[in-house]
PDB file of all heavy atoms in Angstrom:
ATOM      1  N   GLN A   1     141.671 115.453 105.178  1.00  0.00           N
ATOM      2  CA  GLN A   1     142.861 114.560 105.363  1.00  0.00           C
ATOM      3  C   GLN A   1     143.859 114.952 104.342  1.00  0.00           C
ATOM      4  O   GLN A   1     145.058 115.015 104.663  1.00  0.00           O
ATOM      5  CB  GLN A   1     142.391 113.138 105.175  1.00  0.00           C
ATOM      6  CG  GLN A   1     141.465 112.565 106.275  1.00  0.00           C
ATOM      7  CD  GLN A   1     141.024 111.188 105.938  1.00  0.00           C
ATOM      8  OE1 GLN A   1     141.201 110.687 104.866  1.00  0.00           O
ATOM      9  NE2 GLN A   1     140.451 110.535 106.987  1.00  0.00           N
ATOM     10  N   SER A   2     143.479 115.215 103.121  1.00  0.00           N
ATOM     11  CA  SER A   2     144.413 115.633 102.060  1.00  0.00           C
ATOM     12  C   SER A   2     145.108 116.981 102.437  1.00  0.00           C
ATOM     13  O   SER A   2     146.256 117.190 102.159  1.00  0.00           O
ATOM     14  CB  SER A   2     143.724 115.741 100.709  1.00  0.00           C
ATOM     15  OG  SER A   2     143.168 114.486 100.375  1.00  0.00           O
ATOM     16  N   ALA A   3     144.307 117.856 103.011  1.00  0.00           N
ATOM     17  CA  ALA A   3     144.888 119.172 103.409  1.00  0.00           C
ATOM     18  C   ALA A   3     145.957 118.958 104.464  1.00  0.00           C
ATOM     19  O   ALA A   3     147.036 119.594 104.356  1.00  0.00           O
ATOM     20  CB  ALA A   3     143.755 119.994 103.975  1.00  0.00           C
ATOM     21  N   GLY A   4     145.716 118.089 105.453  1.00  0.00           N
ATOM     22  CA  GLY A   4     146.727 117.841 106.463  1.00  0.00           C
ATOM     23  C   GLY A   4     147.953 117.254 105.829  1.00  0.00           C
ATOM     24  O   GLY A   4     149.071 117.649 106.163  1.00  0.00           O
ATOM     25  N   SER A   5     147.780 116.306 104.895  1.00  0.00           N
ATOM     26  CA  SER A   5     148.977 115.691 104.216  1.00  0.00           C
ATOM     27  C   SER A   5     149.761 116.774 103.444  1.00  0.00           C
ATOM     28  O   SER A   5     150.952 116.763 103.383  1.00  0.00           O
ATOM     29  CB  SER A   5     148.484 114.603 103.290  1.00  0.00           C
ATOM     30  OG  SER A   5     147.854 113.569 103.998  1.00  0.00           O
ATOM     31  N   ALA A   6     148.973 117.676 102.743  1.00  0.00           N
ATOM     32  CA  ALA A   6     149.709 118.664 101.964  1.00  0.00           C
ATOM     33  C   ALA A   6     150.453 119.626 102.886  1.00  0.00           C
ATOM     34  O   ALA A   6     151.599 120.073 102.523  1.00  0.00           O
ATOM     35  CB  ALA A   6     148.663 119.472 101.177  1.00  0.00           C
ATOM     36  N   LYS A   7     149.935 119.972 104.017  1.00  0.00           N
ATOM     37  CA  LYS A   7     150.635 120.861 104.984  1.00  0.00           C
ATOM     38  C   LYS A   7     151.892 120.228 105.515  1.00  0.00           C
ATOM     39  O   LYS A   7     152.896 120.869 105.640  1.00  0.00           O
ATOM     40  CB  LYS A   7     149.703 121.309 106.101  1.00  0.00           C
ATOM     41  CG  LYS A   7     148.574 122.278 105.678  1.00  0.00           C
ATOM     42  CD  LYS A   7     147.637 122.572 106.772  1.00  0.00           C
ATOM     43  CE  LYS A   7     146.473 123.487 106.294  1.00  0.00           C
ATOM     44  NZ  LYS A   7     145.551 123.765 107.361  1.00  0.00           N
ATOM     45  N   ARG A   8     151.813 118.918 105.822  1.00  0.00           N
ATOM     46  CA  ARG A   8     152.969 118.208 106.288  1.00  0.00           C
ATOM     47  C   ARG A   8     154.089 118.114 105.185  1.00  0.00           C
ATOM     48  O   ARG A   8     155.236 118.125 105.516  1.00  0.00           O
ATOM     49  CB  ARG A   8     152.599 116.792 106.766  1.00  0.00           C
ATOM     50  CG  ARG A   8     151.820 116.780 108.106  1.00  0.00           C
ATOM     51  CD  ARG A   8     151.750 115.428 108.647  1.00  0.00           C
ATOM     52  NE  ARG A   8     150.964 114.521 107.771  1.00  0.00           N
ATOM     53  CZ  ARG A   8     149.709 114.395 107.822  1.00  0.00           C
ATOM     54  NH1 ARG A   8     148.963 115.132 108.691  1.00  0.00           N
ATOM     55  NH2 ARG A   8     149.051 113.570 107.045  1.00  0.00           N
ATOM     56  N   ALA A   9     153.603 118.094 103.936  1.00  0.00           N
ATOM     57  CA  ALA A   9     154.593 117.974 102.853  1.00  0.00           C
ATOM     58  C   ALA A   9     155.319 119.263 102.586  1.00  0.00           C
ATOM     59  O   ALA A   9     156.232 119.319 101.839  1.00  0.00           O
ATOM     60  CB  ALA A   9     153.871 117.517 101.561  1.00  0.00           C
ATOM     61  N   ALA A  10     154.820 120.347 103.195  1.00  0.00           N
ATOM     62  CA  ALA A  10     155.443 121.667 102.944  1.00  0.00           C
ATOM     63  C   ALA A  10     156.877 121.744 103.357  1.00  0.00           C
ATOM     64  O   ALA A  10     157.622 122.559 102.865  1.00  0.00           O
ATOM     65  CB  ALA A  10     154.607 122.737 103.639  1.00  0.00           C
ATOM     66  N   VAL A  11     157.269 120.820 104.296  1.00  0.00           N
ATOM     67  CA  VAL A  11     158.692 120.933 104.770  1.00  0.00           C
ATOM     68  C   VAL A  11     159.603 120.219 103.777  1.00  0.00           C
ATOM     69  O   VAL A  11     160.826 120.247 103.890  1.00  0.00           O
ATOM     70  CB  VAL A  11     158.816 120.265 106.159  1.00  0.00           C
ATOM     71  CG1 VAL A  11     158.005 121.108 107.154  1.00  0.00           C
ATOM     72  CG2 VAL A  11     158.324 118.802 106.092  1.00  0.00           C
ATOM     73  N   SER A  12     159.018 119.431 102.830  1.00  0.00           N
ATOM     74  CA  SER A  12     159.894 118.741 101.901  1.00  0.00           C
ATOM     75  C   SER A  12     160.200 119.626 100.690  1.00  0.00           C
ATOM     76  O   SER A  12     159.825 120.771 100.631  1.00  0.00           O
ATOM     77  CB  SER A  12     159.169 117.425 101.381  1.00  0.00           C
ATOM     78  OG  SER A  12     157.990 117.851 100.698  1.00  0.00           O
ATOM     79  N   THR A  13     160.928 119.077  99.721  1.00  0.00           N
ATOM     80  CA  THR A  13     161.315 119.823  98.566  1.00  0.00           C
ATOM     81  C   THR A  13     160.728 119.196  97.340  1.00  0.00           C
ATOM     82  O   THR A  13     160.274 118.055  97.381  1.00  0.00           O
ATOM     83  CB  THR A  13     162.863 119.877  98.386  1.00  0.00           C
ATOM     84  OG1 THR A  13     163.327 118.606  98.317  1.00  0.00           O
ATOM     85  CG2 THR A  13     163.416 120.623  99.546  1.00  0.00           C
ATOM     86  N   GLY A  14     160.824 119.872  96.141  1.00  0.00           N
ATOM     87  CA  GLY A  14     160.317 119.235  94.911  1.00  0.00           C
ATOM     88  C   GLY A  14     158.863 119.538  94.697  1.00  0.00           C
ATOM     89  O   GLY A  14     158.266 120.439  95.265  1.00  0.00           O
ATOM     90  N   PRO A  15     158.193 118.754  93.787  1.00  0.00           N
ATOM     91  CA  PRO A  15     156.884 119.014  93.457  1.00  0.00           C
ATOM     92  C   PRO A  15     155.854 119.041  94.605  1.00  0.00           C
ATOM     93  O   PRO A  15     154.943 119.768  94.669  1.00  0.00           O
ATOM     94  CB  PRO A  15     156.517 117.899  92.515  1.00  0.00           C
ATOM     95  CG  PRO A  15     157.869 117.426  91.981  1.00  0.00           C
ATOM     96  CD  PRO A  15     158.788 117.678  93.099  1.00  0.00           C
ATOM     97  N   GLY A  16     156.148 118.160  95.675  1.00  0.00           N
ATOM     98  CA  GLY A  16     155.271 118.157  96.859  1.00  0.00           C
ATOM     99  C   GLY A  16     155.250 119.379  97.577  1.00  0.00           C
ATOM    100  O   GLY A  16     154.211 119.843  98.038  1.00  0.00           O
ATOM    101  N   ALA A  17     156.373 120.103  97.658  1.00  0.00           N
ATOM    102  CA  ALA A  17     156.504 121.353  98.405  1.00  0.00           C
ATOM    103  C   ALA A  17     155.725 122.408  97.624  1.00  0.00           C
ATOM    104  O   ALA A  17     155.057 123.275  98.220  1.00  0.00           O
ATOM    105  CB  ALA A  17     157.940 121.807  98.530  1.00  0.00           C
ATOM    106  N   CYS A  18     155.791 122.379  96.300  1.00  0.00           N
ATOM    107  CA  CYS A  18     155.072 123.343  95.445  1.00  0.00           C
ATOM    108  C   CYS A  18     153.549 123.192  95.648  1.00  0.00           C
ATOM    109  O   CYS A  18     152.853 124.123  95.871  1.00  0.00           O
ATOM    110  CB  CYS A  18     155.447 123.096  94.030  1.00  0.00           C
ATOM    111  SG  CYS A  18     154.650 124.253  92.875  1.00  0.00           S
ATOM    112  N   PHE A  19     153.141 121.922  95.673  1.00  0.00           N
ATOM    113  CA  PHE A  19     151.692 121.625  95.857  1.00  0.00           C
ATOM    114  C   PHE A  19     151.234 122.157  97.215  1.00  0.00           C
ATOM    115  O   PHE A  19     150.187 122.769  97.390  1.00  0.00           O
ATOM    116  CB  PHE A  19     151.431 120.148  95.724  1.00  0.00           C
ATOM    117  CG  PHE A  19     150.009 119.744  96.002  1.00  0.00           C
ATOM    118  CD1 PHE A  19     149.065 119.874  94.992  1.00  0.00           C
ATOM    119  CD2 PHE A  19     149.608 119.373  97.292  1.00  0.00           C
ATOM    120  CE1 PHE A  19     147.716 119.515  95.280  1.00  0.00           C
ATOM    121  CE2 PHE A  19     148.284 119.017  97.508  1.00  0.00           C
ATOM    122  CZ  PHE A  19     147.366 119.058  96.500  1.00  0.00           C
ATOM    123  N   ALA A  20     152.059 121.850  98.285  1.00  0.00           N
ATOM    124  CA  ALA A  20     151.708 122.217  99.636  1.00  0.00           C
ATOM    125  C   ALA A  20     151.574 123.791  99.743  1.00  0.00           C
ATOM    126  O   ALA A  20     150.701 124.276 100.398  1.00  0.00           O
ATOM    127  CB  ALA A  20     152.702 121.683 100.602  1.00  0.00           C
ATOM    128  N   ALA A  21     152.506 124.455  99.110  1.00  0.00           N
ATOM    129  CA  ALA A  21     152.472 125.940  99.204  1.00  0.00           C
ATOM    130  C   ALA A  21     151.233 126.474  98.502  1.00  0.00           C
ATOM    131  O   ALA A  21     150.632 127.432  99.033  1.00  0.00           O
ATOM    132  CB  ALA A  21     153.769 126.529  98.532  1.00  0.00           C
ATOM    133  N   SER A  22     150.886 125.903  97.393  1.00  0.00           N
ATOM    134  CA  SER A  22     149.661 126.326  96.735  1.00  0.00           C
ATOM    135  C   SER A  22     148.450 126.117  97.601  1.00  0.00           C
ATOM    136  O   SER A  22     147.560 126.931  97.709  1.00  0.00           O
ATOM    137  CB  SER A  22     149.482 125.538  95.412  1.00  0.00           C
ATOM    138  OG  SER A  22     150.520 125.862  94.550  1.00  0.00           O
ATOM    139  N   TYR A  23     148.435 124.972  98.286  1.00  0.00           N
ATOM    140  CA  TYR A  23     147.279 124.641  99.172  1.00  0.00           C
ATOM    141  C   TYR A  23     147.201 125.631 100.274  1.00  0.00           C
ATOM    142  O   TYR A  23     146.074 126.133 100.646  1.00  0.00           O
ATOM    143  CB  TYR A  23     147.397 123.213  99.703  1.00  0.00           C
ATOM    144  CG  TYR A  23     146.175 122.820 100.487  1.00  0.00           C
ATOM    145  CD1 TYR A  23     145.197 122.089  99.787  1.00  0.00           C
ATOM    146  CD2 TYR A  23     146.018 123.134 101.794  1.00  0.00           C
ATOM    147  CE1 TYR A  23     144.036 121.698 100.502  1.00  0.00           C
ATOM    148  CE2 TYR A  23     144.833 122.750 102.513  1.00  0.00           C
ATOM    149  CZ  TYR A  23     143.883 122.049 101.840  1.00  0.00           C
ATOM    150  OH  TYR A  23     142.738 121.662 102.461  1.00  0.00           O
ATOM    151  N   ALA A  24     148.318 125.999 100.814  1.00  0.00           N
ATOM    152  CA  ALA A  24     148.301 126.968 101.966  1.00  0.00           C
ATOM    153  C   ALA A  24     147.785 128.291 101.542  1.00  0.00           C
ATOM    154  O   ALA A  24     147.094 128.970 102.339  1.00  0.00           O
ATOM    155  CB  ALA A  24     149.701 127.068 102.543  1.00  0.00           C
TER     156      ALA A  24
END
């Protein structure tokens, strides 16, 4: 579930985008 949230956050900017990119 967290992985899905992180992937959806990839379209945003700021710290969330950085986290999502790392996850991917």
